[in-house]
Amino acid sequence: MVNGMKGRLYVCRHGQSEWNLQGKLQGQLDSDLTQLGRLQAQQLSDKARHWQVTKVVSSVLGRASHSAKICADLLQLNCHSVEGLEERHFGDWQGQWVKQVSGFNAFKQHCYQQLDLVPAISGESSAEVIARMKRALISLATQNPNSNTLVISHGDALSCLMTQWGQSMALDNTQGIQLSVENNRLHWGGFID
């Protein structure tokens, strides 16, 4: 145990990607980190040092795994990707300019209250995102019960997950939340930035 406490999950959004900068809807498509995104990941590793992180994991998407690799290298830790931590699948909207997606603003306004709302054809509801995120995080914590783990995921996926504690704010790149797991349940530990 670290400081007499059970392990914690520090779940953060990846560094800025090219499509974040350009205003494109990524979903489960990918784009490279920008120079700022790489710097943000470096700065995140400095914060993670204070959290006594012993493990780094990420979503399987490139922008998250690249952010995790930067952090892990600077922390001199190994990292790997975990299925289930990916961004929401936005269906037909993926790869489109956010400003040009008809219905996107209405969807974002309601998707965290109406958890079964689907963004577009073949897209994922908030309820589906929450279920897979919870499964992945609980499994990760159960496998490493006394480890402090840095988890790199995605903005909208984290916003979906936060609805479980009455939160739904959008996180900036590399901002995150602290969670713990007890009795196979996630417990809120607050925002980290």
N, C-alpha and C. Protein backbone atom coordinates (compact mmCIF):
# COMPACT_ATOMS: atom_id res chain seq x y z
N MET A 1 0.84 -1.19 0.00
CA MET A 1 0.00 0.00 0.00
C MET A 1 0.88 1.25 0.00
N VAL A 2 0.38 2.30 -0.62
CA VAL A 2 1.10 3.57 -0.68
C VAL A 2 0.51 4.50 0.37
N ASN A 3 1.33 5.00 1.28
CA ASN A 3 0.89 5.90 2.34
C ASN A 3 -0.29 5.33 3.13
N GLY A 4 -0.32 4.00 3.33
CA GLY A 4 -1.38 3.38 4.10
C GLY A 4 -2.74 3.37 3.42
N MET A 5 -2.81 3.71 2.14
CA MET A 5 -4.08 3.76 1.43
C MET A 5 -4.07 2.75 0.29
N LYS A 6 -5.25 2.36 -0.16
CA LYS A 6 -5.35 1.50 -1.32
C LYS A 6 -4.91 2.28 -2.55
N GLY A 7 -4.63 1.53 -3.61
CA GLY A 7 -4.19 2.16 -4.84
C GLY A 7 -5.22 3.11 -5.42
N ARG A 8 -4.73 4.03 -6.18
CA ARG A 8 -5.59 5.03 -6.82
C ARG A 8 -5.38 4.99 -8.33
N LEU A 9 -6.43 5.39 -9.03
CA LEU A 9 -6.38 5.55 -10.48
C LEU A 9 -6.41 7.05 -10.77
N TYR A 10 -5.42 7.52 -11.49
CA TYR A 10 -5.36 8.91 -11.93
C TYR A 10 -5.69 8.89 -13.42
N VAL A 11 -6.96 9.16 -13.74
CA VAL A 11 -7.47 8.98 -15.09
C VAL A 11 -7.49 10.34 -15.78
N CYS A 12 -6.63 10.49 -16.79
CA CYS A 12 -6.44 11.78 -17.44
C CYS A 12 -6.71 11.71 -18.94
N ARG A 13 -7.04 12.85 -19.48
CA ARG A 13 -7.21 12.98 -20.92
C ARG A 13 -5.82 13.06 -21.56
N HIS A 14 -5.71 12.58 -22.78
CA HIS A 14 -4.46 12.63 -23.54
C HIS A 14 -4.04 14.08 -23.85
N GLY A 15 -2.81 14.26 -24.33
CA GLY A 15 -2.34 15.57 -24.77
C GLY A 15 -3.05 16.00 -26.06
N GLN A 16 -2.95 17.28 -26.36
CA GLN A 16 -3.63 17.84 -27.55
C GLN A 16 -3.21 17.10 -28.82
N SER A 17 -4.21 16.76 -29.63
CA SER A 17 -3.95 16.12 -30.92
C SER A 17 -4.14 17.14 -32.04
N GLU A 18 -3.68 16.77 -33.22
CA GLU A 18 -3.85 17.63 -34.40
C GLU A 18 -5.33 17.93 -34.64
N TRP A 19 -6.19 16.92 -34.51
CA TRP A 19 -7.61 17.14 -34.75
C TRP A 19 -8.26 17.94 -33.65
N ASN A 20 -7.76 17.84 -32.41
CA ASN A 20 -8.26 18.73 -31.35
C ASN A 20 -8.03 20.17 -31.79
N LEU A 21 -6.83 20.44 -32.24
CA LEU A 21 -6.43 21.79 -32.65
C LEU A 21 -7.26 22.27 -33.84
N GLN A 22 -7.52 21.37 -34.78
CA GLN A 22 -8.24 21.73 -36.00
C GLN A 22 -9.75 21.78 -35.83
N GLY A 23 -10.27 21.22 -34.74
CA GLY A 23 -11.71 21.21 -34.53
C GLY A 23 -12.43 20.08 -35.24
N LYS A 24 -11.73 18.95 -35.42
CA LYS A 24 -12.36 17.77 -36.03
C LYS A 24 -12.80 16.81 -34.94
N LEU A 25 -13.88 16.11 -35.20
CA LEU A 25 -14.41 15.13 -34.27
C LEU A 25 -13.68 13.80 -34.49
N GLN A 26 -12.90 13.39 -33.48
CA GLN A 26 -12.06 12.21 -33.64
C GLN A 26 -12.80 10.92 -33.32
N GLY A 27 -13.47 10.86 -32.19
CA GLY A 27 -14.06 9.60 -31.77
C GLY A 27 -12.99 8.54 -31.72
N GLN A 28 -13.21 7.43 -32.42
CA GLN A 28 -12.24 6.35 -32.40
C GLN A 28 -11.32 6.35 -33.61
N LEU A 29 -11.33 7.46 -34.36
CA LEU A 29 -10.30 7.68 -35.37
C LEU A 29 -9.12 8.33 -34.64
N ASP A 30 -8.04 8.56 -35.33
CA ASP A 30 -6.88 9.08 -34.62
C ASP A 30 -6.15 10.16 -35.40
N SER A 31 -5.40 10.96 -34.67
CA SER A 31 -4.47 11.92 -35.25
C SER A 31 -3.31 12.06 -34.27
N ASP A 32 -2.18 12.51 -34.78
CA ASP A 32 -0.97 12.62 -33.96
C ASP A 32 -1.10 13.72 -32.92
N LEU A 33 -0.27 13.63 -31.89
CA LEU A 33 -0.17 14.71 -30.92
C LEU A 33 0.50 15.91 -31.57
N THR A 34 0.08 17.09 -31.16
CA THR A 34 0.77 18.31 -31.58
C THR A 34 2.02 18.48 -30.71
N GLN A 35 2.83 19.46 -31.04
CA GLN A 35 3.99 19.78 -30.20
C GLN A 35 3.51 20.14 -28.79
N LEU A 36 2.43 20.92 -28.70
CA LEU A 36 1.86 21.25 -27.39
C LEU A 36 1.39 19.99 -26.67
N GLY A 37 0.77 19.06 -27.40
CA GLY A 37 0.31 17.81 -26.80
C GLY A 37 1.44 17.00 -26.20
N ARG A 38 2.58 16.97 -26.88
CA ARG A 38 3.76 16.26 -26.34
C ARG A 38 4.27 16.96 -25.08
N LEU A 39 4.27 18.29 -25.09
CA LEU A 39 4.69 19.06 -23.91
C LEU A 39 3.71 18.81 -22.75
N GLN A 40 2.42 18.79 -23.05
CA GLN A 40 1.42 18.52 -22.00
C GLN A 40 1.66 17.16 -21.36
N ALA A 41 1.99 16.15 -22.17
CA ALA A 41 2.27 14.82 -21.64
C ALA A 41 3.51 14.84 -20.75
N GLN A 42 4.51 15.60 -21.14
CA GLN A 42 5.71 15.74 -20.29
C GLN A 42 5.35 16.38 -18.95
N GLN A 43 4.54 17.41 -19.00
CA GLN A 43 4.12 18.08 -17.76
C GLN A 43 3.26 17.16 -16.89
N LEU A 44 2.45 16.32 -17.53
CA LEU A 44 1.64 15.35 -16.79
C LEU A 44 2.54 14.37 -16.04
N SER A 45 3.64 13.98 -16.65
CA SER A 45 4.55 13.05 -15.98
C SER A 45 5.14 13.68 -14.72
N ASP A 46 5.38 14.99 -14.73
CA ASP A 46 5.87 15.67 -13.53
C ASP A 46 4.85 15.59 -12.40
N LYS A 47 3.58 15.78 -12.74
CA LYS A 47 2.52 15.67 -11.72
C LYS A 47 2.43 14.24 -11.21
N ALA A 48 2.53 13.27 -12.13
CA ALA A 48 2.39 11.87 -11.76
C ALA A 48 3.48 11.42 -10.79
N ARG A 49 4.63 12.07 -10.84
CA ARG A 49 5.70 11.77 -9.89
C ARG A 49 5.22 11.99 -8.45
N HIS A 50 4.46 13.06 -8.24
CA HIS A 50 3.94 13.38 -6.90
C HIS A 50 2.85 12.41 -6.46
N TRP A 51 2.23 11.72 -7.41
CA TRP A 51 1.18 10.75 -7.09
C TRP A 51 1.75 9.38 -6.81
N GLN A 52 3.07 9.25 -6.89
CA GLN A 52 3.75 7.97 -6.67
C GLN A 52 3.20 6.89 -7.58
N VAL A 53 3.08 7.22 -8.84
CA VAL A 53 2.57 6.31 -9.85
C VAL A 53 3.59 5.19 -10.07
N THR A 54 3.07 3.97 -10.12
CA THR A 54 3.94 2.81 -10.36
C THR A 54 3.60 2.10 -11.67
N LYS A 55 2.55 2.55 -12.34
CA LYS A 55 2.10 1.90 -13.56
C LYS A 55 1.45 2.96 -14.46
N VAL A 56 1.63 2.81 -15.78
CA VAL A 56 1.01 3.71 -16.75
C VAL A 56 0.29 2.87 -17.79
N VAL A 57 -0.99 3.16 -18.01
CA VAL A 57 -1.77 2.46 -19.03
C VAL A 57 -2.54 3.50 -19.85
N SER A 58 -3.02 3.06 -20.99
CA SER A 58 -3.76 3.99 -21.85
C SER A 58 -4.81 3.24 -22.65
N SER A 59 -5.65 4.00 -23.30
CA SER A 59 -6.55 3.46 -24.31
C SER A 59 -5.68 2.95 -25.46
N VAL A 60 -6.28 2.17 -26.33
CA VAL A 60 -5.53 1.63 -27.47
C VAL A 60 -5.36 2.65 -28.60
N LEU A 61 -6.05 3.78 -28.51
CA LEU A 61 -5.94 4.80 -29.57
C LEU A 61 -4.60 5.53 -29.48
N GLY A 62 -4.04 5.86 -30.62
CA GLY A 62 -2.69 6.40 -30.71
C GLY A 62 -2.41 7.65 -29.89
N ARG A 63 -3.34 8.60 -29.88
CA ARG A 63 -3.09 9.84 -29.15
C ARG A 63 -2.96 9.59 -27.66
N ALA A 64 -3.71 8.61 -27.13
CA ALA A 64 -3.61 8.26 -25.72
C ALA A 64 -2.36 7.44 -25.45
N SER A 65 -2.09 6.45 -26.30
CA SER A 65 -0.91 5.60 -26.07
C SER A 65 0.39 6.40 -26.25
N HIS A 66 0.40 7.38 -27.16
CA HIS A 66 1.58 8.23 -27.32
C HIS A 66 1.78 9.10 -26.08
N SER A 67 0.71 9.67 -25.57
CA SER A 67 0.79 10.46 -24.32
C SER A 67 1.30 9.59 -23.18
N ALA A 68 0.78 8.36 -23.08
CA ALA A 68 1.20 7.45 -22.01
C ALA A 68 2.67 7.08 -22.15
N LYS A 69 3.13 6.85 -23.38
CA LYS A 69 4.53 6.48 -23.59
C LYS A 69 5.46 7.60 -23.16
N ILE A 70 5.09 8.84 -23.48
CA ILE A 70 5.91 9.99 -23.05
C ILE A 70 5.99 10.00 -21.53
N CYS A 71 4.85 9.87 -20.86
CA CYS A 71 4.83 9.86 -19.39
C CYS A 71 5.66 8.71 -18.84
N ALA A 72 5.43 7.52 -19.37
CA ALA A 72 6.12 6.33 -18.86
C ALA A 72 7.63 6.44 -19.04
N ASP A 73 8.06 6.94 -20.19
CA ASP A 73 9.50 7.09 -20.42
C ASP A 73 10.12 8.04 -19.40
N LEU A 74 9.46 9.16 -19.15
CA LEU A 74 10.00 10.13 -18.20
C LEU A 74 9.94 9.63 -16.76
N LEU A 75 8.97 8.76 -16.47
CA LEU A 75 8.84 8.18 -15.13
C LEU A 75 9.65 6.89 -14.99
N GLN A 76 10.26 6.47 -16.08
CA GLN A 76 11.03 5.22 -16.14
C GLN A 76 10.16 4.03 -15.73
N LEU A 77 8.96 3.98 -16.32
CA LEU A 77 8.02 2.90 -16.09
C LEU A 77 7.62 2.28 -17.42
N ASN A 78 7.12 1.08 -17.39
CA ASN A 78 6.56 0.47 -18.58
C ASN A 78 5.13 0.96 -18.74
N CYS A 79 4.63 0.88 -19.97
CA CYS A 79 3.22 1.22 -20.20
C CYS A 79 2.63 0.22 -21.18
N HIS A 80 1.33 0.09 -21.12
CA HIS A 80 0.63 -0.75 -22.09
C HIS A 80 -0.79 -0.21 -22.28
N SER A 81 -1.42 -0.68 -23.35
CA SER A 81 -2.78 -0.24 -23.68
C SER A 81 -3.80 -1.24 -23.18
N VAL A 82 -4.98 -0.73 -22.85
CA VAL A 82 -6.07 -1.54 -22.31
C VAL A 82 -7.33 -1.27 -23.13
N GLU A 83 -7.95 -2.33 -23.60
CA GLU A 83 -9.24 -2.21 -24.30
C GLU A 83 -10.31 -1.67 -23.35
N GLY A 84 -11.20 -0.84 -23.86
CA GLY A 84 -12.32 -0.33 -23.08
C GLY A 84 -12.17 1.11 -22.64
N LEU A 85 -10.97 1.66 -22.77
CA LEU A 85 -10.71 3.04 -22.35
C LEU A 85 -10.79 4.04 -23.51
N GLU A 86 -11.26 3.57 -24.67
CA GLU A 86 -11.29 4.41 -25.87
C GLU A 86 -12.31 5.53 -25.76
N GLU A 87 -12.18 6.47 -26.66
CA GLU A 87 -13.14 7.56 -26.79
C GLU A 87 -14.48 7.00 -27.27
N ARG A 88 -15.54 7.75 -27.05
CA ARG A 88 -16.87 7.39 -27.58
C ARG A 88 -16.76 7.21 -29.09
N HIS A 89 -17.44 6.22 -29.61
CA HIS A 89 -17.54 6.07 -31.06
C HIS A 89 -18.66 7.01 -31.51
N PHE A 90 -18.31 7.96 -32.33
CA PHE A 90 -19.29 8.96 -32.79
C PHE A 90 -19.94 8.57 -34.12
N GLY A 91 -19.79 7.34 -34.52
CA GLY A 91 -20.46 6.87 -35.73
C GLY A 91 -20.07 7.67 -36.96
N ASP A 92 -21.08 8.03 -37.74
CA ASP A 92 -20.86 8.74 -39.00
C ASP A 92 -20.27 10.14 -38.82
N TRP A 93 -20.29 10.65 -37.61
CA TRP A 93 -19.76 12.00 -37.36
C TRP A 93 -18.23 12.01 -37.26
N GLN A 94 -17.61 10.87 -37.05
CA GLN A 94 -16.16 10.83 -36.87
C GLN A 94 -15.44 11.34 -38.12
N GLY A 95 -14.40 12.14 -37.89
CA GLY A 95 -13.61 12.69 -38.98
C GLY A 95 -14.18 13.96 -39.58
N GLN A 96 -15.33 14.41 -39.10
CA GLN A 96 -15.97 15.61 -39.62
C GLN A 96 -15.56 16.83 -38.78
N TRP A 97 -15.68 18.00 -39.37
CA TRP A 97 -15.45 19.23 -38.63
C TRP A 97 -16.60 19.41 -37.65
N VAL A 98 -16.30 19.63 -36.39
CA VAL A 98 -17.33 19.75 -35.35
C VAL A 98 -18.36 20.80 -35.74
N LYS A 99 -17.93 21.93 -36.24
CA LYS A 99 -18.83 23.03 -36.58
C LYS A 99 -19.80 22.66 -37.70
N GLN A 100 -19.46 21.66 -38.50
CA GLN A 100 -20.29 21.30 -39.65
C GLN A 100 -21.18 20.09 -39.39
N VAL A 101 -21.08 19.50 -38.19
CA VAL A 101 -21.89 18.32 -37.89
C VAL A 101 -23.26 18.77 -37.38
N SER A 102 -24.26 18.59 -38.22
CA SER A 102 -25.62 18.95 -37.84
C SER A 102 -26.07 18.07 -36.68
N GLY A 103 -26.57 18.68 -35.64
CA GLY A 103 -27.06 17.93 -34.49
C GLY A 103 -26.04 17.71 -33.39
N PHE A 104 -24.77 18.03 -33.63
CA PHE A 104 -23.75 17.77 -32.61
C PHE A 104 -23.99 18.58 -31.34
N ASN A 105 -24.27 19.87 -31.48
CA ASN A 105 -24.48 20.71 -30.29
C ASN A 105 -25.68 20.24 -29.48
N ALA A 106 -26.76 19.86 -30.14
CA ALA A 106 -27.94 19.36 -29.44
C ALA A 106 -27.60 18.05 -28.72
N PHE A 107 -26.85 17.19 -29.39
CA PHE A 107 -26.45 15.93 -28.77
C PHE A 107 -25.61 16.19 -27.51
N LYS A 108 -24.61 17.04 -27.61
CA LYS A 108 -23.73 17.33 -26.47
C LYS A 108 -24.49 17.98 -25.32
N GLN A 109 -25.51 18.72 -25.63
CA GLN A 109 -26.30 19.38 -24.59
C GLN A 109 -27.10 18.37 -23.77
N HIS A 110 -27.47 17.24 -24.36
CA HIS A 110 -28.37 16.29 -23.70
C HIS A 110 -27.76 14.93 -23.38
N CYS A 111 -26.61 14.60 -23.96
CA CYS A 111 -26.10 13.23 -23.87
C CYS A 111 -25.69 12.80 -22.47
N TYR A 112 -25.41 13.74 -21.58
CA TYR A 112 -24.98 13.36 -20.22
C TYR A 112 -26.17 13.25 -19.26
N GLN A 113 -27.35 13.66 -19.71
CA GLN A 113 -28.57 13.47 -18.93
C GLN A 113 -29.39 12.31 -19.50
N GLN A 114 -29.41 12.21 -20.81
CA GLN A 114 -30.14 11.13 -21.50
C GLN A 114 -29.10 10.11 -21.95
N LEU A 115 -28.75 9.21 -21.06
CA LEU A 115 -27.60 8.33 -21.27
C LEU A 115 -27.78 7.34 -22.42
N ASP A 116 -29.01 7.14 -22.89
CA ASP A 116 -29.24 6.22 -23.99
C ASP A 116 -29.24 6.92 -25.36
N LEU A 117 -29.03 8.23 -25.36
CA LEU A 117 -28.99 9.01 -26.60
C LEU A 117 -27.76 8.62 -27.43
N VAL A 118 -27.98 8.36 -28.73
CA VAL A 118 -26.91 7.93 -29.62
C VAL A 118 -26.55 9.09 -30.54
N PRO A 119 -25.24 9.37 -30.74
CA PRO A 119 -24.84 10.53 -31.52
C PRO A 119 -25.16 10.47 -33.00
N ALA A 120 -24.98 9.32 -33.63
CA ALA A 120 -25.19 9.20 -35.07
C ALA A 120 -25.31 7.71 -35.39
N ILE A 121 -25.57 7.40 -36.64
CA ILE A 121 -25.66 6.00 -37.03
C ILE A 121 -24.38 5.27 -36.63
N SER A 122 -24.54 4.19 -35.93
CA SER A 122 -23.46 3.32 -35.44
C SER A 122 -22.62 3.96 -34.33
N GLY A 123 -23.12 5.01 -33.72
CA GLY A 123 -22.41 5.64 -32.61
C GLY A 123 -22.76 5.01 -31.28
N GLU A 124 -21.99 5.37 -30.24
CA GLU A 124 -22.17 4.82 -28.89
C GLU A 124 -22.92 5.78 -27.99
N SER A 125 -23.83 5.25 -27.19
CA SER A 125 -24.52 6.07 -26.19
C SER A 125 -23.60 6.28 -25.00
N SER A 126 -23.93 7.26 -24.17
CA SER A 126 -23.16 7.49 -22.94
C SER A 126 -23.21 6.27 -22.04
N ALA A 127 -24.36 5.60 -21.97
CA ALA A 127 -24.48 4.41 -21.13
C ALA A 127 -23.51 3.32 -21.57
N GLU A 128 -23.34 3.14 -22.87
CA GLU A 128 -22.39 2.14 -23.38
C GLU A 128 -20.96 2.52 -23.03
N VAL A 129 -20.63 3.79 -23.16
CA VAL A 129 -19.28 4.26 -22.82
C VAL A 129 -19.01 4.04 -21.33
N ILE A 130 -19.97 4.42 -20.50
CA ILE A 130 -19.81 4.27 -19.04
C ILE A 130 -19.58 2.80 -18.69
N ALA A 131 -20.36 1.91 -19.26
CA ALA A 131 -20.25 0.48 -18.93
C ALA A 131 -18.86 -0.06 -19.26
N ARG A 132 -18.34 0.25 -20.45
CA ARG A 132 -17.03 -0.30 -20.81
C ARG A 132 -15.89 0.36 -20.04
N MET A 133 -16.02 1.66 -19.78
CA MET A 133 -14.99 2.36 -18.98
C MET A 133 -14.95 1.76 -17.57
N LYS A 134 -16.10 1.57 -16.95
CA LYS A 134 -16.15 1.00 -15.61
C LYS A 134 -15.53 -0.40 -15.58
N ARG A 135 -15.90 -1.23 -16.54
CA ARG A 135 -15.34 -2.59 -16.60
C ARG A 135 -13.81 -2.54 -16.69
N ALA A 136 -13.29 -1.70 -17.59
CA ALA A 136 -11.84 -1.63 -17.79
C ALA A 136 -11.13 -1.11 -16.55
N LEU A 137 -11.66 -0.07 -15.93
CA LEU A 137 -11.01 0.53 -14.76
C LEU A 137 -11.08 -0.38 -13.54
N ILE A 138 -12.21 -1.02 -13.32
CA ILE A 138 -12.34 -1.94 -12.19
C ILE A 138 -11.41 -3.13 -12.37
N SER A 139 -11.34 -3.66 -13.58
CA SER A 139 -10.43 -4.77 -13.86
C SER A 139 -8.98 -4.37 -13.62
N LEU A 140 -8.62 -3.19 -14.10
CA LEU A 140 -7.26 -2.69 -13.92
C LEU A 140 -6.91 -2.54 -12.44
N ALA A 141 -7.82 -1.95 -11.67
CA ALA A 141 -7.58 -1.75 -10.24
C ALA A 141 -7.55 -3.07 -9.49
N THR A 142 -8.39 -4.01 -9.89
CA THR A 142 -8.44 -5.31 -9.23
C THR A 142 -7.15 -6.10 -9.45
N GLN A 143 -6.59 -5.97 -10.64
CA GLN A 143 -5.34 -6.66 -10.96
C GLN A 143 -4.15 -6.04 -10.24
N ASN A 144 -4.26 -4.77 -9.87
CA ASN A 144 -3.16 -4.02 -9.23
C ASN A 144 -3.71 -3.28 -8.01
N PRO A 145 -4.14 -3.99 -6.97
CA PRO A 145 -4.92 -3.38 -5.89
C PRO A 145 -4.18 -2.32 -5.07
N ASN A 146 -2.88 -2.37 -5.00
CA ASN A 146 -2.15 -1.40 -4.17
C ASN A 146 -1.26 -0.47 -4.99
N SER A 147 -1.50 -0.40 -6.29
CA SER A 147 -0.69 0.44 -7.17
C SER A 147 -1.41 1.74 -7.48
N ASN A 148 -0.66 2.80 -7.56
CA ASN A 148 -1.18 4.06 -8.08
C ASN A 148 -0.90 4.05 -9.58
N THR A 149 -1.96 4.13 -10.37
CA THR A 149 -1.85 3.96 -11.82
C THR A 149 -2.28 5.22 -12.55
N LEU A 150 -1.45 5.66 -13.47
CA LEU A 150 -1.80 6.75 -14.37
C LEU A 150 -2.49 6.12 -15.58
N VAL A 151 -3.72 6.55 -15.85
CA VAL A 151 -4.52 6.02 -16.95
C VAL A 151 -4.78 7.16 -17.92
N ILE A 152 -4.38 6.98 -19.18
CA ILE A 152 -4.61 8.01 -20.20
C ILE A 152 -5.77 7.57 -21.07
N SER A 153 -6.82 8.40 -21.08
CA SER A 153 -8.03 8.09 -21.84
C SER A 153 -8.42 9.32 -22.67
N HIS A 154 -9.71 9.61 -22.74
CA HIS A 154 -10.22 10.60 -23.69
C HIS A 154 -11.29 11.49 -23.05
N GLY A 155 -11.42 12.69 -23.57
CA GLY A 155 -12.28 13.71 -22.99
C GLY A 155 -13.74 13.35 -22.86
N ASP A 156 -14.38 12.95 -23.95
CA ASP A 156 -15.81 12.66 -23.87
C ASP A 156 -16.06 11.39 -23.07
N ALA A 157 -15.20 10.40 -23.20
CA ALA A 157 -15.35 9.17 -22.42
C ALA A 157 -15.29 9.48 -20.93
N LEU A 158 -14.38 10.39 -20.54
CA LEU A 158 -14.28 10.79 -19.14
C LEU A 158 -15.51 11.59 -18.70
N SER A 159 -16.03 12.44 -19.58
CA SER A 159 -17.24 13.19 -19.25
C SER A 159 -18.41 12.24 -19.02
N CYS A 160 -18.52 11.20 -19.85
CA CYS A 160 -19.56 10.19 -19.64
C CYS A 160 -19.39 9.54 -18.28
N LEU A 161 -18.20 9.09 -17.98
CA LEU A 161 -17.93 8.40 -16.71
C LEU A 161 -18.25 9.29 -15.51
N MET A 162 -17.93 10.57 -15.60
CA MET A 162 -18.13 11.49 -14.48
C MET A 162 -19.59 11.70 -14.14
N THR A 163 -20.50 11.39 -15.08
CA THR A 163 -21.93 11.54 -14.77
C THR A 163 -22.33 10.64 -13.60
N GLN A 164 -21.56 9.59 -13.35
CA GLN A 164 -21.85 8.67 -12.24
C GLN A 164 -21.75 9.36 -10.88
N TRP A 165 -21.05 10.50 -10.84
CA TRP A 165 -20.89 11.25 -9.59
C TRP A 165 -21.47 12.66 -9.72
N GLY A 166 -22.38 12.84 -10.67
CA GLY A 166 -23.04 14.13 -10.83
C GLY A 166 -22.17 15.20 -11.46
N GLN A 167 -21.11 14.79 -12.14
CA GLN A 167 -20.21 15.72 -12.82
C GLN A 167 -20.33 15.48 -14.32
N SER A 168 -20.19 16.52 -15.11
CA SER A 168 -20.17 16.30 -16.57
C SER A 168 -19.37 17.39 -17.28
N MET A 169 -18.45 17.98 -16.58
CA MET A 169 -17.66 19.05 -17.20
C MET A 169 -16.69 18.48 -18.24
N ALA A 170 -16.38 19.30 -19.22
CA ALA A 170 -15.39 18.91 -20.22
C ALA A 170 -14.00 19.15 -19.65
N LEU A 171 -13.13 18.16 -19.79
CA LEU A 171 -11.77 18.29 -19.29
C LEU A 171 -10.85 18.78 -20.40
N ASP A 172 -9.93 19.66 -20.04
CA ASP A 172 -8.90 20.08 -20.98
C ASP A 172 -7.90 18.94 -21.15
N ASN A 173 -7.07 19.04 -22.18
CA ASN A 173 -6.06 18.02 -22.40
C ASN A 173 -5.19 17.86 -21.16
N THR A 174 -4.97 16.62 -20.77
CA THR A 174 -4.18 16.13 -19.63
C THR A 174 -4.79 16.44 -18.26
N GLN A 175 -5.96 17.04 -18.20
CA GLN A 175 -6.67 17.14 -16.92
C GLN A 175 -7.29 15.79 -16.63
N GLY A 176 -7.67 15.57 -15.37
CA GLY A 176 -8.24 14.28 -15.07
C GLY A 176 -8.95 14.21 -13.74
N ILE A 177 -9.24 12.98 -13.37
CA ILE A 177 -9.95 12.69 -12.14
C ILE A 177 -9.23 11.59 -11.37
N GLN A 178 -9.42 11.58 -10.07
CA GLN A 178 -8.85 10.53 -9.23
C GLN A 178 -9.97 9.58 -8.80
N LEU A 179 -9.73 8.30 -8.95
CA LEU A 179 -10.70 7.28 -8.57
C LEU A 179 -10.02 6.20 -7.73
N SER A 180 -10.82 5.49 -6.99
CA SER A 180 -10.35 4.28 -6.31
C SER A 180 -11.42 3.22 -6.51
N VAL A 181 -11.06 1.98 -6.24
CA VAL A 181 -12.01 0.87 -6.40
C VAL A 181 -12.09 0.11 -5.09
N GLU A 182 -13.31 -0.10 -4.63
CA GLU A 182 -13.54 -0.89 -3.44
C GLU A 182 -14.81 -1.71 -3.66
N ASN A 183 -14.76 -2.99 -3.34
CA ASN A 183 -15.90 -3.89 -3.54
C ASN A 183 -16.42 -3.84 -4.98
N ASN A 184 -15.48 -3.82 -5.92
CA ASN A 184 -15.82 -3.79 -7.36
C ASN A 184 -16.64 -2.58 -7.77
N ARG A 185 -16.47 -1.48 -7.04
CA ARG A 185 -17.15 -0.23 -7.39
C ARG A 185 -16.13 0.90 -7.47
N LEU A 186 -16.32 1.77 -8.44
CA LEU A 186 -15.48 2.96 -8.56
C LEU A 186 -15.93 4.01 -7.54
N HIS A 187 -14.97 4.67 -6.93
CA HIS A 187 -15.27 5.73 -5.97
C HIS A 187 -14.57 7.02 -6.40
N TRP A 188 -15.30 8.10 -6.35
CA TRP A 188 -14.84 9.43 -6.75
C TRP A 188 -13.81 9.96 -5.76
N GLY A 189 -12.71 10.48 -6.28
CA GLY A 189 -11.69 11.09 -5.44
C GLY A 189 -11.45 12.55 -5.76
N GLY A 190 -12.15 13.07 -6.77
CA GLY A 190 -12.04 14.48 -7.11
C GLY A 190 -11.30 14.73 -8.41
N PHE A 191 -11.27 16.00 -8.78
CA PHE A 191 -10.58 16.43 -10.00
C PHE A 191 -9.10 16.60 -9.73
N ILE A 192 -8.30 16.33 -10.76
CA ILE A 192 -6.88 16.64 -10.74
C ILE A 192 -6.62 17.45 -12.00
N ASP A 193 -5.62 18.30 -11.98
CA ASP A 193 -5.30 19.04 -13.21
C ASP A 193 -3.82 19.09 -13.44
